[in-house]
PDB file of N, CA and C in Angstrom:
ATOM      1  N   MET A   1       0.226 -16.537  23.291  1.00  0.00           N
ATOM      2  CA  MET A   1       1.181 -15.501  23.532  1.00  0.00           C
ATOM      3  C   MET A   1       2.388 -15.671  22.603  1.00  0.00           C
ATOM      4  N   MET A   2       2.830 -14.624  22.040  1.00  0.00           N
ATOM      5  CA  MET A   2       3.953 -14.700  21.105  1.00  0.00           C
ATOM      6  C   MET A   2       5.282 -14.670  21.903  1.00  0.00           C
ATOM      7  N   GLY A   3       6.178 -15.492  21.443  1.00  0.00           N
ATOM      8  CA  GLY A   3       7.544 -15.506  22.010  1.00  0.00           C
ATOM      9  C   GLY A   3       8.406 -14.383  21.363  1.00  0.00           C
ATOM     10  N   TRP A   4       9.604 -14.262  21.884  1.00  0.00           N
ATOM     11  CA  TRP A   4      10.475 -13.204  21.355  1.00  0.00           C
ATOM     12  C   TRP A   4      10.785 -13.405  19.890  1.00  0.00           C
ATOM     13  N   GLY A   5      10.930 -14.622  19.441  1.00  0.00           N
ATOM     14  CA  GLY A   5      11.235 -14.954  18.045  1.00  0.00           C
ATOM     15  C   GLY A   5      10.136 -14.485  17.113  1.00  0.00           C
ATOM     16  N   GLU A   6       8.924 -14.664  17.505  1.00  0.00           N
ATOM     17  CA  GLU A   6       7.822 -14.277  16.640  1.00  0.00           C
ATOM     18  C   GLU A   6       7.730 -12.749  16.562  1.00  0.00           C
ATOM     19  N   TYR A   7       8.109 -12.050  17.622  1.00  0.00           N
ATOM     20  CA  TYR A   7       8.094 -10.550  17.562  1.00  0.00           C
ATOM     21  C   TYR A   7       9.171 -10.097  16.614  1.00  0.00           C
ATOM     22  N   ILE A   8      10.300 -10.759  16.657  1.00  0.00           N
ATOM     23  CA  ILE A   8      11.414 -10.380  15.793  1.00  0.00           C
ATOM     24  C   ILE A   8      11.034 -10.539  14.302  1.00  0.00           C
ATOM     25  N   LEU A   9      10.278 -11.570  13.970  1.00  0.00           N
ATOM     26  CA  LEU A   9       9.827 -11.760  12.630  1.00  0.00           C
ATOM     27  C   LEU A   9       8.648 -10.849  12.283  1.00  0.00           C
ATOM     28  N   ALA A  10       7.815 -10.459  13.250  1.00  0.00           N
ATOM     29  CA  ALA A  10       6.660  -9.574  12.974  1.00  0.00           C
ATOM     30  C   ALA A  10       7.085  -8.218  12.533  1.00  0.00           C
ATOM     31  N   ILE A  11       8.164  -7.735  13.080  1.00  0.00           N
ATOM     32  CA  ILE A  11       8.626  -6.373  12.772  1.00  0.00           C
ATOM     33  C   ILE A  11       8.994  -6.205  11.265  1.00  0.00           C
ATOM     34  N   PRO A  12       9.839  -7.061  10.729  1.00  0.00           N
ATOM     35  CA  PRO A  12      10.173  -6.887   9.306  1.00  0.00           C
ATOM     36  C   PRO A  12       8.961  -7.200   8.374  1.00  0.00           C
ATOM     37  N   ILE A  13       8.147  -8.201   8.794  1.00  0.00           N
ATOM     38  CA  ILE A  13       6.939  -8.469   8.010  1.00  0.00           C
ATOM     39  C   ILE A  13       6.034  -7.265   7.904  1.00  0.00           C
ATOM     40  N   ALA A  14       5.813  -6.610   9.086  1.00  0.00           N
ATOM     41  CA  ALA A  14       4.980  -5.399   9.068  1.00  0.00           C
ATOM     42  C   ALA A  14       5.661  -4.296   8.245  1.00  0.00           C
ATOM     43  N   TRP A  15       7.004  -4.165   8.374  1.00  0.00           N
ATOM     44  CA  TRP A  15       7.726  -3.155   7.648  1.00  0.00           C
ATOM     45  C   TRP A  15       7.540  -3.314   6.101  1.00  0.00           C
ATOM     46  N   TYR A  16       7.742  -4.560   5.674  1.00  0.00           N
ATOM     47  CA  TYR A  16       7.575  -4.821   4.222  1.00  0.00           C
ATOM     48  C   TYR A  16       6.125  -4.639   3.779  1.00  0.00           C
ATOM     49  N   GLY A  17       5.206  -5.055   4.657  1.00  0.00           N
ATOM     50  CA  GLY A  17       3.814  -4.911   4.324  1.00  0.00           C
ATOM     51  C   GLY A  17       3.348  -3.449   4.164  1.00  0.00           C
ATOM     52  N   VAL A  18       3.847  -2.602   5.092  1.00  0.00           N
ATOM     53  CA  VAL A  18       3.457  -1.165   5.010  1.00  0.00           C
ATOM     54  C   VAL A  18       4.096  -0.530   3.797  1.00  0.00           C
ATOM     55  N   TRP A  19       5.420  -0.781   3.547  1.00  0.00           N
ATOM     56  CA  TRP A  19       6.084  -0.115   2.428  1.00  0.00           C
ATOM     57  C   TRP A  19       5.602  -0.673   1.114  1.00  0.00           C
ATOM     58  N   SER A  20       5.206  -1.950   1.108  1.00  0.00           N
ATOM     59  CA  SER A  20       4.631  -2.476  -0.157  1.00  0.00           C
ATOM     60  C   SER A  20       3.227  -1.843  -0.463  1.00  0.00           C
ATOM     61  N   ALA A  21       2.439  -1.657   0.578  1.00  0.00           N
ATOM     62  CA  ALA A  21       1.129  -1.054   0.388  1.00  0.00           C
ATOM     63  C   ALA A  21       1.305   0.374  -0.087  1.00  0.00           C
ATOM     64  N   VAL A  22       2.192   1.107   0.528  1.00  0.00           N
ATOM     65  CA  VAL A  22       2.471   2.526   0.158  1.00  0.00           C
ATOM     66  C   VAL A  22       2.949   2.583  -1.290  1.00  0.00           C
ATOM     67  N   THR A  23       3.851   1.666  -1.679  1.00  0.00           N
ATOM     68  CA  THR A  23       4.389   1.658  -3.040  1.00  0.00           C
ATOM     69  C   THR A  23       3.278   1.292  -4.034  1.00  0.00           C
ATOM     70  N   PHE A  24       2.436   0.343  -3.701  1.00  0.00           N
ATOM     71  CA  PHE A  24       1.345  -0.007  -4.579  1.00  0.00           C
ATOM     72  C   PHE A  24       0.379   1.174  -4.811  1.00  0.00           C
ATOM     73  N   VAL A  25       0.065   1.873  -3.717  1.00  0.00           N
ATOM     74  CA  VAL A  25      -0.851   3.003  -3.822  1.00  0.00           C
ATOM     75  C   VAL A  25      -0.189   4.088  -4.684  1.00  0.00           C
ATOM     76  N   CYS A  26       1.119   4.320  -4.518  1.00  0.00           N
ATOM     77  CA  CYS A  26       1.804   5.295  -5.362  1.00  0.00           C
ATOM     78  C   CYS A  26       1.804   4.927  -6.840  1.00  0.00           C
ATOM     79  N   PHE A  27       1.899   3.626  -7.120  1.00  0.00           N
ATOM     80  CA  PHE A  27       1.821   3.144  -8.517  1.00  0.00           C
ATOM     81  C   PHE A  27       0.461   3.449  -9.054  1.00  0.00           C
ATOM     82  N   ALA A  28      -0.573   3.202  -8.261  1.00  0.00           N
ATOM     83  CA  ALA A  28      -2.000   3.469  -8.711  1.00  0.00           C
ATOM     84  C   ALA A  28      -2.172   4.937  -8.932  1.00  0.00           C
ATOM     85  N   VAL A  29      -1.674   5.762  -8.036  1.00  0.00           N
ATOM     86  CA  VAL A  29      -1.816   7.230  -8.197  1.00  0.00           C
ATOM     87  C   VAL A  29      -1.050   7.711  -9.451  1.00  0.00           C
ATOM     88  N   ASP A  30       0.140   7.178  -9.649  1.00  0.00           N
ATOM     89  CA  ASP A  30       0.932   7.596 -10.773  1.00  0.00           C
ATOM     90  C   ASP A  30       0.265   7.112 -12.109  1.00  0.00           C
ATOM     91  N   LYS A  31      -0.287   5.926 -12.092  1.00  0.00           N
ATOM     92  CA  LYS A  31      -0.989   5.404 -13.270  1.00  0.00           C
ATOM     93  C   LYS A  31      -2.168   6.290 -13.603  1.00  0.00           C
ATOM     94  N   HIS A  32      -2.949   6.679 -12.610  1.00  0.00           N
ATOM     95  CA  HIS A  32      -4.066   7.578 -12.809  1.00  0.00           C
ATOM     96  C   HIS A  32      -3.612   8.947 -13.354  1.00  0.00           C
ATOM     97  N   ALA A  33      -2.523   9.450 -12.740  1.00  0.00           N
ATOM     98  CA  ALA A  33      -2.014  10.769 -13.180  1.00  0.00           C
ATOM     99  C   ALA A  33      -1.542  10.663 -14.666  1.00  0.00           C
ATOM    100  N   ALA A  34      -0.932   9.553 -15.056  1.00  0.00           N
ATOM    101  CA  ALA A  34      -0.473   9.392 -16.408  1.00  0.00           C
ATOM    102  C   ALA A  34      -1.600   9.384 -17.365  1.00  0.00           C
ATOM    103  N   ARG A  35      -2.715   8.753 -17.005  1.00  0.00           N
ATOM    104  CA  ARG A  35      -3.864   8.710 -17.898  1.00  0.00           C
ATOM    105  C   ARG A  35      -4.487  10.112 -17.982  1.00  0.00           C
ATOM    106  N   GLN A  36      -4.458  10.953 -16.920  1.00  0.00           N
ATOM    107  CA  GLN A  36      -5.087  12.205 -16.880  1.00  0.00           C
ATOM    108  C   GLN A  36      -4.145  13.312 -17.467  1.00  0.00           C
ATOM    109  N   GLY A  37      -2.917  12.960 -17.671  1.00  0.00           N
ATOM    110  CA  GLY A  37      -1.910  13.968 -18.129  1.00  0.00           C
ATOM    111  C   GLY A  37      -1.533  14.945 -17.041  1.00  0.00           C
ATOM    112  N   LYS A  38      -1.589  14.484 -15.780  1.00  0.00           N
ATOM    113  CA  LYS A  38      -1.303  15.386 -14.647  1.00  0.00           C
ATOM    114  C   LYS A  38       0.116  15.111 -14.108  1.00  0.00           C
ATOM    115  N   PHE A  39       0.479  15.773 -13.054  1.00  0.00           N
ATOM    116  CA  PHE A  39       1.810  15.641 -12.416  1.00  0.00           C
ATOM    117  C   PHE A  39       1.992  14.216 -12.014  1.00  0.00           C
ATOM    118  N   ARG A  40       3.166  13.657 -12.330  1.00  0.00           N
ATOM    119  CA  ARG A  40       3.506  12.263 -12.065  1.00  0.00           C
ATOM    120  C   ARG A  40       4.430  12.170 -10.877  1.00  0.00           C
ATOM    121  N   ILE A  41       4.428  10.983 -10.247  1.00  0.00           N
ATOM    122  CA  ILE A  41       5.372  10.713  -9.212  1.00  0.00           C
ATOM    123  C   ILE A  41       6.693  10.338  -9.824  1.00  0.00           C
ATOM    124  N   PRO A  42       7.775  11.036  -9.475  1.00  0.00           N
ATOM    125  CA  PRO A  42       9.107  10.771 -10.091  1.00  0.00           C
ATOM    126  C   PRO A  42       9.519   9.293  -9.923  1.00  0.00           C
ATOM    127  N   GLU A  43      10.169   8.736 -10.932  1.00  0.00           N
ATOM    128  CA  GLU A  43      10.666   7.378 -10.809  1.00  0.00           C
ATOM    129  C   GLU A  43      11.609   7.234  -9.624  1.00  0.00           C
ATOM    130  N   ARG A  44      12.371   8.233  -9.395  1.00  0.00           N
ATOM    131  CA  ARG A  44      13.343   8.167  -8.249  1.00  0.00           C
ATOM    132  C   ARG A  44      12.571   7.909  -6.947  1.00  0.00           C
ATOM    133  N   THR A  45      11.420   8.574  -6.792  1.00  0.00           N
ATOM    134  CA  THR A  45      10.623   8.383  -5.562  1.00  0.00           C
ATOM    135  C   THR A  45      10.104   6.892  -5.502  1.00  0.00           C
ATOM    136  N   LEU A  46       9.644   6.431  -6.602  1.00  0.00           N
ATOM    137  CA  LEU A  46       9.131   5.057  -6.675  1.00  0.00           C
ATOM    138  C   LEU A  46      10.271   4.066  -6.331  1.00  0.00           C
ATOM    139  N   HIS A  47      11.407   4.301  -6.905  1.00  0.00           N
ATOM    140  CA  HIS A  47      12.578   3.404  -6.576  1.00  0.00           C
ATOM    141  C   HIS A  47      12.993   3.546  -5.112  1.00  0.00           C
ATOM    142  N   THR A  48      12.942   4.704  -4.588  1.00  0.00           N
ATOM    143  CA  THR A  48      13.260   4.864  -3.171  1.00  0.00           C
ATOM    144  C   THR A  48      12.288   4.045  -2.309  1.00  0.00           C
ATOM    145  N   LEU A  49      11.023   4.062  -2.637  1.00  0.00           N
ATOM    146  CA  LEU A  49      10.057   3.218  -1.885  1.00  0.00           C
ATOM    147  C   LEU A  49      10.381   1.738  -2.030  1.00  0.00           C
ATOM    148  N   GLU A  50      10.817   1.339  -3.229  1.00  0.00           N
ATOM    149  CA  GLU A  50      11.196  -0.086  -3.394  1.00  0.00           C
ATOM    150  C   GLU A  50      12.397  -0.478  -2.532  1.00  0.00           C
ATOM    151  N   PHE A  51      13.403   0.401  -2.419  1.00  0.00           N
ATOM    152  CA  PHE A  51      14.591   0.112  -1.676  1.00  0.00           C
ATOM    153  C   PHE A  51      14.259   0.183  -0.177  1.00  0.00           C
ATOM    154  N   LEU A  52      13.231   0.922   0.211  1.00  0.00           N
ATOM    155  CA  LEU A  52      12.831   0.957   1.639  1.00  0.00           C
ATOM    156  C   LEU A  52      12.110  -0.319   2.067  1.00  0.00           C
ATOM    157  N   GLY A  53      11.729  -1.114   1.045  1.00  0.00           N
ATOM    158  CA  GLY A  53      11.007  -2.389   1.345  1.00  0.00           C
ATOM    159  C   GLY A  53       9.727  -2.576   0.551  1.00  0.00           C
ATOM    160  N   GLY A  54       9.406  -1.676  -0.327  1.00  0.00           N
ATOM    161  CA  GLY A  54       8.194  -1.770  -1.069  1.00  0.00           C
ATOM    162  C   GLY A  54       8.305  -2.509  -2.395  1.00  0.00           C
ATOM    163  N   TRP A  55       9.337  -3.336  -2.553  1.00  0.00           N
ATOM    164  CA  TRP A  55       9.537  -4.015  -3.805  1.00  0.00           C
ATOM    165  C   TRP A  55       8.380  -4.976  -4.158  1.00  0.00           C
ATOM    166  N   ALA A  56       7.765  -5.589  -3.180  1.00  0.00           N
ATOM    167  CA  ALA A  56       6.636  -6.486  -3.498  1.00  0.00           C
ATOM    168  C   ALA A  56       5.460  -5.650  -4.030  1.00  0.00           C
ATOM    169  N   GLY A  57       5.243  -4.476  -3.438  1.00  0.00           N
ATOM    170  CA  GLY A  57       4.142  -3.619  -3.947  1.00  0.00           C
ATOM    171  C   GLY A  57       4.412  -3.124  -5.312  1.00  0.00           C
ATOM    172  N   ALA A  58       5.724  -2.895  -5.642  1.00  0.00           N
ATOM    173  CA  ALA A  58       6.091  -2.430  -7.015  1.00  0.00           C
ATOM    174  C   ALA A  58       5.786  -3.576  -7.995  1.00  0.00           C
ATOM    175  N   PHE A  59       6.150  -4.810  -7.688  1.00  0.00           N
ATOM    176  CA  PHE A  59       5.848  -5.886  -8.592  1.00  0.00           C
ATOM    177  C   PHE A  59       4.314  -6.110  -8.760  1.00  0.00           C
ATOM    178  N   ALA A  60       3.603  -5.934  -7.616  1.00  0.00           N
ATOM    179  CA  ALA A  60       2.129  -6.057  -7.726  1.00  0.00           C
ATOM    180  C   ALA A  60       1.588  -4.918  -8.604  1.00  0.00           C
ATOM    181  N   GLY A  61       2.146  -3.735  -8.486  1.00  0.00           N
ATOM    182  CA  GLY A  61       1.633  -2.647  -9.320  1.00  0.00           C
ATOM    183  C   GLY A  61       1.994  -2.855 -10.770  1.00  0.00           C
ATOM    184  N   MET A  62       3.130  -3.438 -11.016  1.00  0.00           N
ATOM    185  CA  MET A  62       3.518  -3.730 -12.461  1.00  0.00           C
ATOM    186  C   MET A  62       2.605  -4.789 -13.034  1.00  0.00           C
ATOM    187  N   LEU A  63       2.315  -5.802 -12.235  1.00  0.00           N
ATOM    188  CA  LEU A  63       1.459  -6.920 -12.752  1.00  0.00           C
ATOM    189  C   LEU A  63       0.018  -6.574 -12.784  1.00  0.00           C
ATOM    190  N   LEU A  64      -0.564  -6.035 -11.721  1.00  0.00           N
ATOM    191  CA  LEU A  64      -1.968  -5.831 -11.614  1.00  0.00           C
ATOM    192  C   LEU A  64      -2.427  -4.560 -12.273  1.00  0.00           C
ATOM    193  N   LEU A  65      -1.593  -3.499 -12.229  1.00  0.00           N
ATOM    194  CA  LEU A  65      -2.014  -2.192 -12.833  1.00  0.00           C
ATOM    195  C   LEU A  65      -1.374  -2.041 -14.253  1.00  0.00           C
ATOM    196  N   ARG A  66      -0.467  -2.956 -14.589  1.00  0.00           N
ATOM    197  CA  ARG A  66       0.301  -2.845 -15.852  1.00  0.00           C
ATOM    198  C   ARG A  66       0.945  -1.474 -15.950  1.00  0.00           C
ATOM    199  N   HIS A  67       1.582  -1.076 -14.855  1.00  0.00           N
ATOM    200  CA  HIS A  67       2.204   0.230 -14.780  1.00  0.00           C
ATOM    201  C   HIS A  67       3.743   0.037 -14.685  1.00  0.00           C
ATOM    202  N   LYS A  68       4.493   0.711 -15.522  1.00  0.00           N
ATOM    203  CA  LYS A  68       5.971   0.674 -15.571  1.00  0.00           C
ATOM    204  C   LYS A  68       6.460  -0.727 -16.021  1.00  0.00           C
ATOM    205  N   SER A  69       5.544  -1.509 -16.603  1.00  0.00           N
ATOM    206  CA  SER A  69       5.863  -2.874 -16.962  1.00  0.00           C
ATOM    207  C   SER A  69       6.588  -2.992 -18.319  1.00  0.00           C
ATOM    208  N   ARG A  70       6.709  -1.941 -19.097  1.00  0.00           N
ATOM    209  CA  ARG A  70       7.374  -1.961 -20.352  1.00  0.00           C
ATOM    210  C   ARG A  70       8.683  -1.211 -20.325  1.00  0.00           C
ATOM    211  N   LYS A  71       8.974  -0.581 -19.217  1.00  0.00           N
ATOM    212  CA  LYS A  71      10.231   0.222 -19.162  1.00  0.00           C
ATOM    213  C   LYS A  71      11.384  -0.649 -18.626  1.00  0.00           C
ATOM    214  N   GLY A  72      12.223  -1.093 -19.526  1.00  0.00           N
ATOM    215  CA  GLY A  72      13.304  -2.011 -19.241  1.00  0.00           C
ATOM    216  C   GLY A  72      14.175  -1.529 -18.110  1.00  0.00           C
ATOM    217  N   ARG A  73      14.650  -0.284 -18.174  1.00  0.00           N
ATOM    218  CA  ARG A  73      15.527   0.268 -17.168  1.00  0.00           C
ATOM    219  C   ARG A  73      14.839   0.264 -15.790  1.00  0.00           C
ATOM    220  N   TYR A  74      13.557   0.650 -15.764  1.00  0.00           N
ATOM    221  CA  TYR A  74      12.825   0.674 -14.529  1.00  0.00           C
ATOM    222  C   TYR A  74      12.770  -0.706 -13.904  1.00  0.00           C
ATOM    223  N   ILE A  75      12.485  -1.666 -14.741  1.00  0.00           N
ATOM    224  CA  ILE A  75      12.371  -3.043 -14.242  1.00  0.00           C
ATOM    225  C   ILE A  75      13.690  -3.572 -13.671  1.00  0.00           C
ATOM    226  N   VAL A  76      14.762  -3.222 -14.384  1.00  0.00           N
ATOM    227  CA  VAL A  76      16.065  -3.611 -13.897  1.00  0.00           C
ATOM    228  C   VAL A  76      16.364  -3.082 -12.484  1.00  0.00           C
ATOM    229  N   VAL A  77      16.078  -1.817 -12.268  1.00  0.00           N
ATOM    230  CA  VAL A  77      16.295  -1.214 -10.944  1.00  0.00           C
ATOM    231  C   VAL A  77      15.396  -1.876  -9.942  1.00  0.00           C
ATOM    232  N   THR A  78      14.174  -2.194 -10.250  1.00  0.00           N
ATOM    233  CA  THR A  78      13.277  -2.864  -9.327  1.00  0.00           C
ATOM    234  C   THR A  78      13.812  -4.255  -9.012  1.00  0.00           C
ATOM    235  N   VAL A  79      14.289  -4.985  -9.975  1.00  0.00           N
ATOM    236  CA  VAL A  79      14.865  -6.289  -9.734  1.00  0.00           C
ATOM    237  C   VAL A  79      16.113  -6.177  -8.818  1.00  0.00           C
ATOM    238  N   VAL A  80      16.924  -5.159  -9.068  1.00  0.00           N
ATOM    239  CA  VAL A  80      18.080  -4.941  -8.138  1.00  0.00           C
ATOM    240  C   VAL A  80      17.637  -4.647  -6.759  1.00  0.00           C
ATOM    241  N   ALA A  81      16.620  -3.838  -6.562  1.00  0.00           N
ATOM    242  CA  ALA A  81      16.159  -3.554  -5.217  1.00  0.00           C
ATOM    243  C   ALA A  81      15.655  -4.781  -4.525  1.00  0.00           C
ATOM    244  N   THR A  82      14.929  -5.659  -5.253  1.00  0.00           N
ATOM    245  CA  THR A  82      14.514  -6.942  -4.725  1.00  0.00           C
ATOM    246  C   THR A  82      15.682  -7.833  -4.393  1.00  0.00           C
ATOM    247  N   ALA A  83      16.608  -7.908  -5.289  1.00  0.00           N
ATOM    248  CA  ALA A  83      17.781  -8.770  -5.069  1.00  0.00           C
ATOM    249  C   ALA A  83      18.569  -8.353  -3.820  1.00  0.00           C
ATOM    250  N   VAL A  84      18.709  -7.022  -3.649  1.00  0.00           N
ATOM    251  CA  VAL A  84      19.433  -6.500  -2.489  1.00  0.00           C
ATOM    252  C   VAL A  84      18.732  -6.982  -1.161  1.00  0.00           C
ATOM    253  N   HIS A  85      17.385  -6.822  -1.160  1.00  0.00           N
ATOM    254  CA  HIS A  85      16.641  -7.264   0.037  1.00  0.00           C
ATOM    255  C   HIS A  85      16.776  -8.792   0.273  1.00  0.00           C
ATOM    256  N   LEU A  86      16.573  -9.561  -0.775  1.00  0.00           N
ATOM    257  CA  LEU A  86      16.622 -10.981  -0.653  1.00  0.00           C
ATOM    258  C   LEU A  86      18.022 -11.494  -0.233  1.00  0.00           C
ATOM    259  N   ALA A  87      19.032 -10.822  -0.804  1.00  0.00           N
ATOM    260  CA  ALA A  87      20.438 -11.214  -0.460  1.00  0.00           C
ATOM    261  C   ALA A  87      20.730 -10.898   0.964  1.00  0.00           C
ATOM    262  N   ALA A  88      20.235  -9.723   1.448  1.00  0.00           N
ATOM    263  CA  ALA A  88      20.482  -9.334   2.848  1.00  0.00           C
ATOM    264  C   ALA A  88      19.820 -10.322   3.772  1.00  0.00           C
ATOM    265  N   TRP A  89      18.583 -10.741   3.481  1.00  0.00           N
ATOM    266  CA  TRP A  89      17.865 -11.693   4.343  1.00  0.00           C
ATOM    267  C   TRP A  89      18.497 -13.058   4.234  1.00  0.00           C
ATOM    268  N   GLY A  90      18.930 -13.427   3.054  1.00  0.00           N
ATOM    269  CA  GLY A  90      19.632 -14.724   2.881  1.00  0.00           C
ATOM    270  C   GLY A  90      20.912 -14.758   3.689  1.00  0.00           C
ATOM    271  N   SER A  91      21.633 -13.697   3.660  1.00  0.00           N
ATOM    272  CA  SER A  91      22.885 -13.593   4.405  1.00  0.00           C
ATOM    273  C   SER A  91      22.623 -13.689   5.931  1.00  0.00           C
ATOM    274  N   LEU A  92      21.635 -12.943   6.360  1.00  0.00           N
ATOM    275  CA  LEU A  92      21.293 -12.987   7.815  1.00  0.00           C
ATOM    276  C   LEU A  92      20.870 -14.403   8.239  1.00  0.00           C
ATOM    277  N   ALA A  93      20.095 -15.063   7.377  1.00  0.00           N
ATOM    278  CA  ALA A  93      19.669 -16.454   7.699  1.00  0.00           C
ATOM    279  C   ALA A  93      20.865 -17.363   7.745  1.00  0.00           C
ATOM    280  N   TYR A  94      21.825 -17.202   6.792  1.00  0.00           N
ATOM    281  CA  TYR A  94      23.015 -18.024   6.780  1.00  0.00           C
ATOM    282  C   TYR A  94      23.848 -17.835   8.043  1.00  0.00           C
ATOM    283  N   VAL A  95      24.040 -16.557   8.365  1.00  0.00           N
ATOM    284  CA  VAL A  95      24.831 -16.216   9.529  1.00  0.00           C
ATOM    285  C   VAL A  95      24.175 -16.788  10.798  1.00  0.00           C
ATOM    286  N   ALA A  96      22.879 -16.585  10.916  1.00  0.00           N
ATOM    287  CA  ALA A  96      22.115 -17.076  12.082  1.00  0.00           C
ATOM    288  C   ALA A  96      22.261 -18.570  12.238  1.00  0.00           C
ATOM    289  N   ARG A  97      22.330 -19.224  11.129  1.00  0.00           N
ATOM    290  CA  ARG A  97      22.375 -20.722  11.147  1.00  0.00           C
ATOM    291  C   ARG A  97      23.741 -21.228  11.390  1.00  0.00           C
ATOM    292  N   HIS A  98      24.783 -20.566  10.949  1.00  0.00           N
ATOM    293  CA  HIS A  98      26.162 -21.065  10.990  1.00  0.00           C
ATOM    294  C   HIS A  98      27.116 -20.460  11.997  1.00  0.00           C
ATOM    295  N   VAL A  99      26.723 -19.401  12.621  1.00  0.00           N
ATOM    296  CA  VAL A  99      27.560 -18.811  13.652  1.00  0.00           C
ATOM    297  C   VAL A  99      27.381 -19.526  14.971  1.00  0.00           C
ATOM    298  N   PRO A 100      28.454 -20.016  15.546  1.00  0.00           N
ATOM    299  CA  PRO A 100      28.273 -20.768  16.751  1.00  0.00           C
ATOM    300  C   PRO A 100      27.721 -19.968  17.915  1.00  0.00           C
ATOM    301  N   ARG A 101      26.860 -20.563  18.693  1.00  0.00           N
ATOM    302  CA  ARG A 101      26.291 -19.902  19.836  1.00  0.00           C
ATOM    303  C   ARG A 101      27.191 -20.104  21.023  1.00  0.00           C
ATOM    304  N   PRO A 102      27.258 -19.086  21.895  1.00  0.00           N
ATOM    305  CA  PRO A 102      28.107 -19.268  23.129  1.00  0.00           C
ATOM    306  C   PRO A 102      27.473 -20.357  24.040  1.00  0.00           C
ATOM    307  N   LEU A 103      28.315 -21.028  24.744  1.00  0.00           N
ATOM    308  CA  LEU A 103      27.864 -22.012  25.660  1.00  0.00           C
ATOM    309  C   LEU A 103      27.277 -21.294  26.906  1.00  0.00           C
ATOM    310  N   PRO A 104      26.308 -21.947  27.546  1.00  0.00           N
ATOM    311  CA  PRO A 104      25.750 -21.377  28.791  1.00  0.00           C
ATOM    312  C   PRO A 104      26.867 -21.274  29.828  1.00  0.00           C
ATOM    313  N   ARG A 105      26.697 -20.408  30.761  1.00  0.00           N
ATOM    314  CA  ARG A 105      27.712 -20.157  31.771  1.00  0.00           C
ATOM    315  C   ARG A 105      28.070 -21.336  32.571  1.00  0.00           C
ATOM    316  N   ASP A 106      27.080 -22.218  32.786  1.00  0.00           N
ATOM    317  CA  ASP A 106      27.345 -23.398  33.634  1.00  0.00           C
ATOM    318  C   ASP A 106      28.095 -24.497  32.833  1.00  0.00           C
ATOM    319  N   GLY A 107      28.301 -24.340  31.529  1.00  0.00           N
ATOM    320  CA  GLY A 107      29.046 -25.249  30.722  1.00  0.00           C
ATOM    321  C   GLY A 107      28.197 -26.373  30.160  1.00  0.00           C
ATOM    322  N   ALA A 108      26.890 -26.407  30.506  1.00  0.00           N
ATOM    323  CA  ALA A 108      26.057 -27.450  29.950  1.00  0.00           C
ATOM    324  C   ALA A 108      25.703 -27.157  28.500  1.00  0.00           C
ATOM    325  N   VAL A 109      25.614 -28.208  27.730  1.00  0.00           N
ATOM    326  CA  VAL A 109      25.294 -28.018  26.287  1.00  0.00           C
ATOM    327  C   VAL A 109      23.804 -28.362  26.137  1.00  0.00           C
ATOM    328  N   SER A 110      23.089 -27.420  25.593  1.00  0.00           N
ATOM    329  CA  SER A 110      21.667 -27.645  25.341  1.00  0.00           C
ATOM    330  C   SER A 110      21.459 -27.896  23.851  1.00  0.00           C
ATOM    331  N   ARG A 111      20.499 -28.825  23.602  1.00  0.00           N
ATOM    332  CA  ARG A 111      20.211 -29.171  22.224  1.00  0.00           C
ATOM    333  C   ARG A 111      18.866 -28.537  21.903  1.00  0.00           C
ATOM    334  N   PRO A 112      18.777 -27.979  20.651  1.00  0.00           N
ATOM    335  CA  PRO A 112      17.522 -27.409  20.242  1.00  0.00           C
ATOM    336  C   PRO A 112      16.379 -28.425  20.082  1.00  0.00           C
TER     337      PRO A 112
END
């Protein structure tokens, strides 16, 4: 049985997994469209997916599909999206570790 802490971690892991999968599929569809000379997925849409949490799927698409891997400006925005997410999680981890917890109502100090 999972405790509350595991559920809290499962939600963002699932979020990133879903958005990364969606982003990777969009990269594959866009790569196919580029080869066929058909309508492409706008870069703004791909970047939006990255900022929603699909940055890992974007990197996988760049590496595995070799898509958008030569566009310097595109890579910079993808790295920024990744850095924003990692900085946010790093900040949350720091705060969670360093913010003092309130004492129990009975005044007893519990050790982890």
